[in-house]
Every structure is written in structure tokens, then in C-alpha cells.
Amino acid sequence: MIYQSECRRLTHGTISGCLSAIRWVHLANGYGDPLQAKPRLSLMRRAIKRISGPVKAKLPVTPDMLRLIGESLDLSDPKSIVVWAGLVLAFFFLLRSSEYCEDPTKALRVGDVQFSCSGVSRAGGRGADEVLICIRDSKTDHGGQGALLTAYATGDMLCPVTVAAKVVEMRRGVGATDEDPLLVWSGNAILKRTMVTDVLC
């Protein structure tokens, strides 16, 4: 636990979650509770919680914040388009960063985005009133089934349909295939988590 706290800089909550997982595996396989009757372990957990200090809650992103960010970006620049698309899609679809950026093997791909108008599928996003995205890989998808999520046109600058259509059109314009990452602005320059957090801070 000292290594996890001091070297890996894990929080008390993360360490407790790991210990709970170890306990669950033991109990699920018919073994005894490995955390029971371990007074030194309990003391260590309390000590780590005390020295960790209070939890710093993250503030939520609001539509007004996104509008201010959108107004500050140059949306004629491919990199800014990708950052804006990442922010808007993550906001509307409640995406984890691993589901839309950073890792090209897990992030959204061009073919994961589909459009429709009045329930009828369309090849592109022009005139569409609905965007569907397929999340192929998520840490909450233990069965590996994937998830199909839907958002609708809003009619203002925070419109997931318009934003998705713009980034898909940009990617198709440079010859991207269905299996290529969606949020890329040049070559293999995929959107990074730090780019999103830098814009939000």
C-alpha cells in the first residue's frame, strides 16, 4: 500500500477499490476474506486517507463554458475542429476520454459515426437531424457488446450533429477509411486528453 500511495501516487479511493477487487476474487472462488482480521492493514488505510487530504472534486463542464470555448477557437483550422468535436461529442454522449481520443485502437473511428434524418439513414451529415455513434470498447462494457448512442440536432453552435458532420467530412476529405480514427487533424496526430483538459482549464 505504501508503494501504491507514495510511488504510484494513487489516492485512498483507488487503493480501496483495488483491495475490494482482491477481496471479491477471493470470496468468489470460495476462499476466506483476505482483508479480515488485518489490524495493520486497517491502520495503513486510515493513515493514507488522512495524509491524502480532502478529495478535490472536479467541476462539471457546462453548455455556457463550451460556447465560450467554441467562440475562442478558429474553426477553420483542422486541429481546432478536432478539439471542438472532441469536446462536443464527449459532452453530449458522456464519453470517457479513452472512448474518443488518445488511443487509436480504442477511440472513435470514422465508421462509428452515422447520420439519419427523420429516422432514415443518410450517407453524410448534411441535412441530418440525428447522429449515432458506436462505442466499440468501453471499460463498463464487460461483455464486449458495444453500445449505440444517439443525439439530436439542437440548432445552435452546440449541435452534436453539425459538429460530427464537419469532422467526418474533414476526415473523408483526406481519404480516411471507416477504420481510421475520427479525431485526427493531420497524419497520425490524434486528439490527446491533455489537449482537451488544457482547453477546459
C-alpha atoms as a PDB file:
ATOM      1  CA  MET A   1       0.000   0.000   0.000  1.00  0.00           C
ATOM      2  CA  ILE A   2       2.888   2.371   0.696  1.00  0.00           C
ATOM      3  CA  TYR A   3       4.229   1.737  -2.811  1.00  0.00           C
ATOM      4  CA  GLN A   4       0.803   2.408  -4.341  1.00  0.00           C
ATOM      5  CA  SER A   5       0.385   5.626  -2.372  1.00  0.00           C
ATOM      6  CA  GLU A   6       3.891   7.096  -2.417  1.00  0.00           C
ATOM      7  CA  CYS A   7       5.389   5.785  -5.667  1.00  0.00           C
ATOM      8  CA  ARG A   8       2.363   5.406  -7.926  1.00  0.00           C
ATOM      9  CA  ARG A   9       0.580   8.358  -6.268  1.00  0.00           C
ATOM     10  CA  LEU A  10      -2.740   6.517  -6.129  1.00  0.00           C
ATOM     11  CA  THR A  11      -5.474   8.008  -3.975  1.00  0.00           C
ATOM     12  CA  HIS A  12      -7.058   6.343  -0.975  1.00  0.00           C
ATOM     13  CA  GLY A  13     -10.200   5.646  -3.006  1.00  0.00           C
ATOM     14  CA  THR A  14      -8.287   3.930  -5.808  1.00  0.00           C
ATOM     15  CA  ILE A  15      -6.328   1.772  -3.376  1.00  0.00           C
ATOM     16  CA  SER A  16      -9.527   0.825  -1.534  1.00  0.00           C
ATOM     17  CA  GLY A  17     -11.091  -0.135  -4.862  1.00  0.00           C
ATOM     18  CA  CYS A  18      -8.141  -2.417  -5.666  1.00  0.00           C
ATOM     19  CA  LEU A  19      -8.345  -4.075  -2.256  1.00  0.00           C
ATOM     20  CA  SER A  20     -12.091  -4.603  -2.708  1.00  0.00           C
ATOM     21  CA  ALA A  21     -11.439  -6.274  -6.057  1.00  0.00           C
ATOM     22  CA  ILE A  22      -8.881  -8.627  -4.469  1.00  0.00           C
ATOM     23  CA  ARG A  23     -11.374  -9.442  -1.706  1.00  0.00           C
ATOM     24  CA  TRP A  24     -14.157 -10.131  -4.227  1.00  0.00           C
ATOM     25  CA  VAL A  25     -11.996 -12.552  -6.256  1.00  0.00           C
ATOM     26  CA  HIS A  26     -11.073 -14.475  -3.113  1.00  0.00           C
ATOM     27  CA  LEU A  27     -14.685 -14.748  -1.962  1.00  0.00           C
ATOM     28  CA  ALA A  28     -15.975 -15.622  -5.459  1.00  0.00           C
ATOM     29  CA  ASN A  29     -13.552 -18.544  -5.596  1.00  0.00           C
ATOM     30  CA  GLY A  30     -14.548 -19.920  -2.206  1.00  0.00           C
ATOM     31  CA  TYR A  31     -11.634 -18.580  -0.166  1.00  0.00           C
ATOM     32  CA  GLY A  32     -11.829 -16.587   3.029  1.00  0.00           C
ATOM     33  CA  ASP A  33     -11.854 -12.804   3.294  1.00  0.00           C
ATOM     34  CA  PRO A  34      -8.196 -11.734   2.884  1.00  0.00           C
ATOM     35  CA  LEU A  35      -8.875  -8.334   4.482  1.00  0.00           C
ATOM     36  CA  GLN A  36     -10.494  -9.651   7.646  1.00  0.00           C
ATOM     37  CA  ALA A  37      -8.579  -9.501  10.939  1.00  0.00           C
ATOM     38  CA  LYS A  38      -5.743  -7.406   9.467  1.00  0.00           C
ATOM     39  CA  PRO A  39      -5.310  -4.566  12.003  1.00  0.00           C
ATOM     40  CA  ARG A  40      -2.128  -3.196  10.397  1.00  0.00           C
ATOM     41  CA  LEU A  41      -3.858  -3.041   7.028  1.00  0.00           C
ATOM     42  CA  SER A  42      -6.733  -1.070   8.571  1.00  0.00           C
ATOM     43  CA  LEU A  43      -4.277   1.325  10.236  1.00  0.00           C
ATOM     44  CA  MET A  44      -2.440   1.827   6.949  1.00  0.00           C
ATOM     45  CA  ARG A  45      -5.672   2.564   5.089  1.00  0.00           C
ATOM     46  CA  ARG A  46      -6.676   5.150   7.681  1.00  0.00           C
ATOM     47  CA  ALA A  47      -3.218   6.735   7.554  1.00  0.00           C
ATOM     48  CA  ILE A  48      -3.269   7.007   3.753  1.00  0.00           C
ATOM     49  CA  LYS A  49      -6.723   8.558   3.888  1.00  0.00           C
ATOM     50  CA  ARG A  50      -5.558  11.090   6.478  1.00  0.00           C
ATOM     51  CA  ILE A  51      -2.387  12.168   4.622  1.00  0.00           C
ATOM     52  CA  SER A  52      -4.185  12.265   1.259  1.00  0.00           C
ATOM     53  CA  GLY A  53      -6.239  15.234   2.416  1.00  0.00           C
ATOM     54  CA  PRO A  54      -9.708  16.144   1.199  1.00  0.00           C
ATOM     55  CA  VAL A  55     -10.932  14.979  -2.190  1.00  0.00           C
ATOM     56  CA  LYS A  56     -10.674  17.683  -4.847  1.00  0.00           C
ATOM     57  CA  ALA A  57     -13.920  17.429  -6.741  1.00  0.00           C
ATOM     58  CA  LYS A  58     -13.836  18.294 -10.419  1.00  0.00           C
ATOM     59  CA  LEU A  59     -16.237  20.950 -11.572  1.00  0.00           C
ATOM     60  CA  PRO A  60     -18.691  19.980 -14.310  1.00  0.00           C
ATOM     61  CA  VAL A  61     -18.447  21.348 -17.829  1.00  0.00           C
ATOM     62  CA  THR A  62     -21.466  23.497 -18.662  1.00  0.00           C
ATOM     63  CA  PRO A  63     -23.007  24.496 -22.020  1.00  0.00           C
ATOM     64  CA  ASP A  64     -22.016  28.116 -21.369  1.00  0.00           C
ATOM     65  CA  MET A  65     -18.389  27.054 -20.880  1.00  0.00           C
ATOM     66  CA  LEU A  66     -18.460  25.142 -24.152  1.00  0.00           C
ATOM     67  CA  ARG A  67     -19.950  28.097 -26.015  1.00  0.00           C
ATOM     68  CA  LEU A  68     -17.160  30.372 -24.756  1.00  0.00           C
ATOM     69  CA  ILE A  69     -14.568  27.816 -25.833  1.00  0.00           C
ATOM     70  CA  GLY A  70     -16.216  27.429 -29.239  1.00  0.00           C
ATOM     71  CA  GLU A  71     -16.170  31.192 -29.785  1.00  0.00           C
ATOM     72  CA  SER A  72     -12.464  31.306 -28.941  1.00  0.00           C
ATOM     73  CA  LEU A  73     -11.463  28.545 -31.383  1.00  0.00           C
ATOM     74  CA  ASP A  74     -10.593  29.077 -35.040  1.00  0.00           C
ATOM     75  CA  LEU A  75     -12.953  26.534 -36.579  1.00  0.00           C
ATOM     76  CA  SER A  76     -11.312  26.879 -39.979  1.00  0.00           C
ATOM     77  CA  ASP A  77      -8.228  25.167 -38.537  1.00  0.00           C
ATOM     78  CA  PRO A  78      -8.311  21.320 -38.663  1.00  0.00           C
ATOM     79  CA  LYS A  79      -6.736  20.967 -35.213  1.00  0.00           C
ATOM     80  CA  SER A  80      -9.323  23.303 -33.664  1.00  0.00           C
ATOM     81  CA  ILE A  81     -12.126  21.412 -35.427  1.00  0.00           C
ATOM     82  CA  VAL A  82     -10.904  18.160 -33.877  1.00  0.00           C
ATOM     83  CA  VAL A  83     -10.624  19.671 -30.392  1.00  0.00           C
ATOM     84  CA  TRP A  84     -14.107  21.201 -30.701  1.00  0.00           C
ATOM     85  CA  ALA A  85     -15.578  17.934 -31.992  1.00  0.00           C
ATOM     86  CA  GLY A  86     -13.985  16.042 -29.096  1.00  0.00           C
ATOM     87  CA  LEU A  87     -15.449  18.457 -26.546  1.00  0.00           C
ATOM     88  CA  VAL A  88     -18.958  18.493 -28.013  1.00  0.00           C
ATOM     89  CA  LEU A  89     -19.204  14.748 -28.643  1.00  0.00           C
ATOM     90  CA  ALA A  90     -17.823  13.933 -25.192  1.00  0.00           C
ATOM     91  CA  PHE A  91     -20.339  16.337 -23.629  1.00  0.00           C
ATOM     92  CA  PHE A  92     -23.426  15.069 -25.441  1.00  0.00           C
ATOM     93  CA  PHE A  93     -22.558  11.376 -25.297  1.00  0.00           C
ATOM     94  CA  LEU A  94     -20.965  11.431 -21.806  1.00  0.00           C
ATOM     95  CA  LEU A  95     -17.792   9.842 -23.164  1.00  0.00           C
ATOM     96  CA  ARG A  96     -14.727   8.847 -21.213  1.00  0.00           C
ATOM     97  CA  SER A  97     -11.500  10.126 -22.749  1.00  0.00           C
ATOM     98  CA  SER A  98     -10.471   6.565 -23.702  1.00  0.00           C
ATOM     99  CA  GLU A  99     -13.672   6.234 -25.751  1.00  0.00           C
ATOM    100  CA  TYR A 100     -12.996   9.131 -28.098  1.00  0.00           C
ATOM    101  CA  CYS A 101      -9.321  10.118 -28.013  1.00  0.00           C
ATOM    102  CA  GLU A 102      -5.742   9.201 -27.092  1.00  0.00           C
ATOM    103  CA  ASP A 103      -5.615   5.527 -28.087  1.00  0.00           C
ATOM    104  CA  PRO A 104      -6.181   4.947 -31.845  1.00  0.00           C
ATOM    105  CA  THR A 105      -7.073   1.283 -31.225  1.00  0.00           C
ATOM    106  CA  LYS A 106      -9.963   2.206 -28.873  1.00  0.00           C
ATOM    107  CA  ALA A 107     -11.018   5.717 -29.846  1.00  0.00           C
ATOM    108  CA  LEU A 108     -13.945   6.602 -32.099  1.00  0.00           C
ATOM    109  CA  ARG A 109     -13.407   5.721 -35.753  1.00  0.00           C
ATOM    110  CA  VAL A 110     -14.804   7.396 -38.828  1.00  0.00           C
ATOM    111  CA  GLY A 111     -17.145   4.469 -39.472  1.00  0.00           C
ATOM    112  CA  ASP A 112     -18.505   4.641 -35.914  1.00  0.00           C
ATOM    113  CA  VAL A 113     -20.454   7.800 -36.802  1.00  0.00           C
ATOM    114  CA  GLN A 114     -23.742   7.510 -38.710  1.00  0.00           C
ATOM    115  CA  PHE A 115     -26.366  10.100 -39.598  1.00  0.00           C
ATOM    116  CA  SER A 116     -30.084   9.998 -40.225  1.00  0.00           C
ATOM    117  CA  CYS A 117     -32.947  12.354 -41.000  1.00  0.00           C
ATOM    118  CA  SER A 118     -36.451  11.587 -39.694  1.00  0.00           C
ATOM    119  CA  GLY A 119     -35.278   8.066 -38.948  1.00  0.00           C
ATOM    120  CA  VAL A 120     -33.913   7.432 -42.451  1.00  0.00           C
ATOM    121  CA  SER A 121     -30.196   6.715 -42.686  1.00  0.00           C
ATOM    122  CA  ARG A 122     -28.067   9.134 -44.710  1.00  0.00           C
ATOM    123  CA  ALA A 123     -24.600   8.800 -46.190  1.00  0.00           C
ATOM    124  CA  GLY A 124     -23.424  12.180 -44.861  1.00  0.00           C
ATOM    125  CA  GLY A 125     -24.312  14.656 -42.181  1.00  0.00           C
ATOM    126  CA  ARG A 126     -25.739  17.433 -44.357  1.00  0.00           C
ATOM    127  CA  GLY A 127     -29.406  17.893 -43.551  1.00  0.00           C
ATOM    128  CA  ALA A 128     -29.324  15.196 -40.858  1.00  0.00           C
ATOM    129  CA  ASP A 129     -31.207  15.694 -37.602  1.00  0.00           C
ATOM    130  CA  GLU A 130     -29.705  12.762 -35.728  1.00  0.00           C
ATOM    131  CA  VAL A 131     -26.202  11.390 -35.166  1.00  0.00           C
ATOM    132  CA  LEU A 132     -25.472   7.871 -33.914  1.00  0.00           C
ATOM    133  CA  ILE A 133     -22.104   6.761 -32.635  1.00  0.00           C
ATOM    134  CA  CYS A 134     -20.943   3.267 -31.863  1.00  0.00           C
ATOM    135  CA  ILE A 135     -18.744   2.806 -28.798  1.00  0.00           C
ATOM    136  CA  ARG A 136     -16.846  -0.370 -29.582  1.00  0.00           C
ATOM    137  CA  ASP A 137     -14.707  -0.536 -26.461  1.00  0.00           C
ATOM    138  CA  SER A 138     -15.581   0.747 -23.004  1.00  0.00           C
ATOM    139  CA  LYS A 139     -14.409  -0.180 -19.529  1.00  0.00           C
ATOM    140  CA  THR A 140     -18.040  -0.589 -18.473  1.00  0.00           C
ATOM    141  CA  ASP A 141     -18.826  -2.924 -21.384  1.00  0.00           C
ATOM    142  CA  HIS A 142     -17.716  -6.177 -19.759  1.00  0.00           C
ATOM    143  CA  GLY A 143     -19.452  -8.335 -22.360  1.00  0.00           C
ATOM    144  CA  GLY A 144     -17.783  -6.561 -25.282  1.00  0.00           C
ATOM    145  CA  GLN A 145     -21.151  -5.934 -26.950  1.00  0.00           C
ATOM    146  CA  GLY A 146     -20.524  -2.299 -27.816  1.00  0.00           C
ATOM    147  CA  ALA A 147     -23.078   0.478 -27.454  1.00  0.00           C
ATOM    148  CA  LEU A 148     -25.018   2.585 -29.945  1.00  0.00           C
ATOM    149  CA  LEU A 149     -25.689   6.124 -28.702  1.00  0.00           C
ATOM    150  CA  THR A 150     -27.896   8.802 -30.255  1.00  0.00           C
ATOM    151  CA  ALA A 151     -28.031  12.599 -30.093  1.00  0.00           C
ATOM    152  CA  TYR A 152     -30.234  15.049 -31.949  1.00  0.00           C
ATOM    153  CA  ALA A 153     -29.699  18.378 -33.674  1.00  0.00           C
ATOM    154  CA  THR A 154     -30.012  21.387 -31.371  1.00  0.00           C
ATOM    155  CA  GLY A 155     -29.993  24.212 -33.904  1.00  0.00           C
ATOM    156  CA  ASP A 156     -27.222  26.227 -32.221  1.00  0.00           C
ATOM    157  CA  MET A 157     -23.431  26.117 -32.057  1.00  0.00           C
ATOM    158  CA  LEU A 158     -23.601  23.243 -29.548  1.00  0.00           C
ATOM    159  CA  CYS A 159     -25.068  20.850 -32.082  1.00  0.00           C
ATOM    160  CA  PRO A 160     -23.598  17.323 -31.995  1.00  0.00           C
ATOM    161  CA  VAL A 161     -24.978  16.580 -35.466  1.00  0.00           C
ATOM    162  CA  THR A 162     -23.339  19.616 -37.100  1.00  0.00           C
ATOM    163  CA  VAL A 163     -20.046  19.098 -35.278  1.00  0.00           C
ATOM    164  CA  ALA A 164     -19.891  15.370 -36.088  1.00  0.00           C
ATOM    165  CA  ALA A 165     -20.772  16.063 -39.726  1.00  0.00           C
ATOM    166  CA  LYS A 166     -17.987  18.633 -40.001  1.00  0.00           C
ATOM    167  CA  VAL A 167     -15.278  16.379 -38.595  1.00  0.00           C
ATOM    168  CA  VAL A 168     -16.436  13.347 -40.621  1.00  0.00           C
ATOM    169  CA  GLU A 169     -16.450  15.449 -43.797  1.00  0.00           C
ATOM    170  CA  MET A 170     -12.947  16.701 -42.984  1.00  0.00           C
ATOM    171  CA  ARG A 171     -11.667  13.150 -42.422  1.00  0.00           C
ATOM    172  CA  ARG A 172     -13.339  11.790 -45.561  1.00  0.00           C
ATOM    173  CA  GLY A 173     -11.819  14.687 -47.494  1.00  0.00           C
ATOM    174  CA  VAL A 174      -8.304  13.389 -46.758  1.00  0.00           C
ATOM    175  CA  GLY A 175      -9.182   9.803 -47.680  1.00  0.00           C
ATOM    176  CA  ALA A 176      -9.817   8.379 -44.210  1.00  0.00           C
ATOM    177  CA  THR A 177     -11.470   4.944 -44.183  1.00  0.00           C
ATOM    178  CA  ASP A 178     -14.131   3.660 -41.791  1.00  0.00           C
ATOM    179  CA  GLU A 179     -11.421   2.082 -39.618  1.00  0.00           C
ATOM    180  CA  ASP A 180      -9.318   5.228 -39.240  1.00  0.00           C
ATOM    181  CA  PRO A 181      -9.559   7.251 -36.001  1.00  0.00           C
ATOM    182  CA  LEU A 182     -12.119  10.050 -36.190  1.00  0.00           C
ATOM    183  CA  LEU A 183     -10.452  12.795 -34.167  1.00  0.00           C
ATOM    184  CA  VAL A 184      -7.257  13.242 -36.165  1.00  0.00           C
ATOM    185  CA  TRP A 185      -6.236  16.501 -37.815  1.00  0.00           C
ATOM    186  CA  SER A 186      -3.008  15.628 -39.644  1.00  0.00           C
ATOM    187  CA  GLY A 187      -1.373  12.289 -40.430  1.00  0.00           C
ATOM    188  CA  ASN A 188      -1.459  10.296 -37.184  1.00  0.00           C
ATOM    189  CA  ALA A 189      -1.941  13.351 -34.944  1.00  0.00           C
ATOM    190  CA  ILE A 190      -4.834  12.059 -32.832  1.00  0.00           C
ATOM    191  CA  LEU A 191      -6.593  14.157 -30.210  1.00  0.00           C
ATOM    192  CA  LYS A 192      -4.933  13.843 -26.797  1.00  0.00           C
ATOM    193  CA  ARG A 193      -6.549  14.013 -23.377  1.00  0.00           C
ATOM    194  CA  THR A 194      -4.208  16.819 -22.356  1.00  0.00           C
ATOM    195  CA  MET A 195      -5.409  18.940 -25.288  1.00  0.00           C
ATOM    196  CA  VAL A 196      -8.979  18.668 -24.023  1.00  0.00           C
ATOM    197  CA  THR A 197      -8.071  19.452 -20.417  1.00  0.00           C
ATOM    198  CA  ASP A 198      -5.873  22.385 -21.496  1.00  0.00           C
ATOM    199  CA  VAL A 199      -8.807  23.958 -23.337  1.00  0.00           C
ATOM    200  CA  LEU A 200     -11.141  23.396 -20.374  1.00  0.00           C
ATOM    201  CA  CYS A 201      -8.734  24.904 -17.809  1.00  0.00           C
END
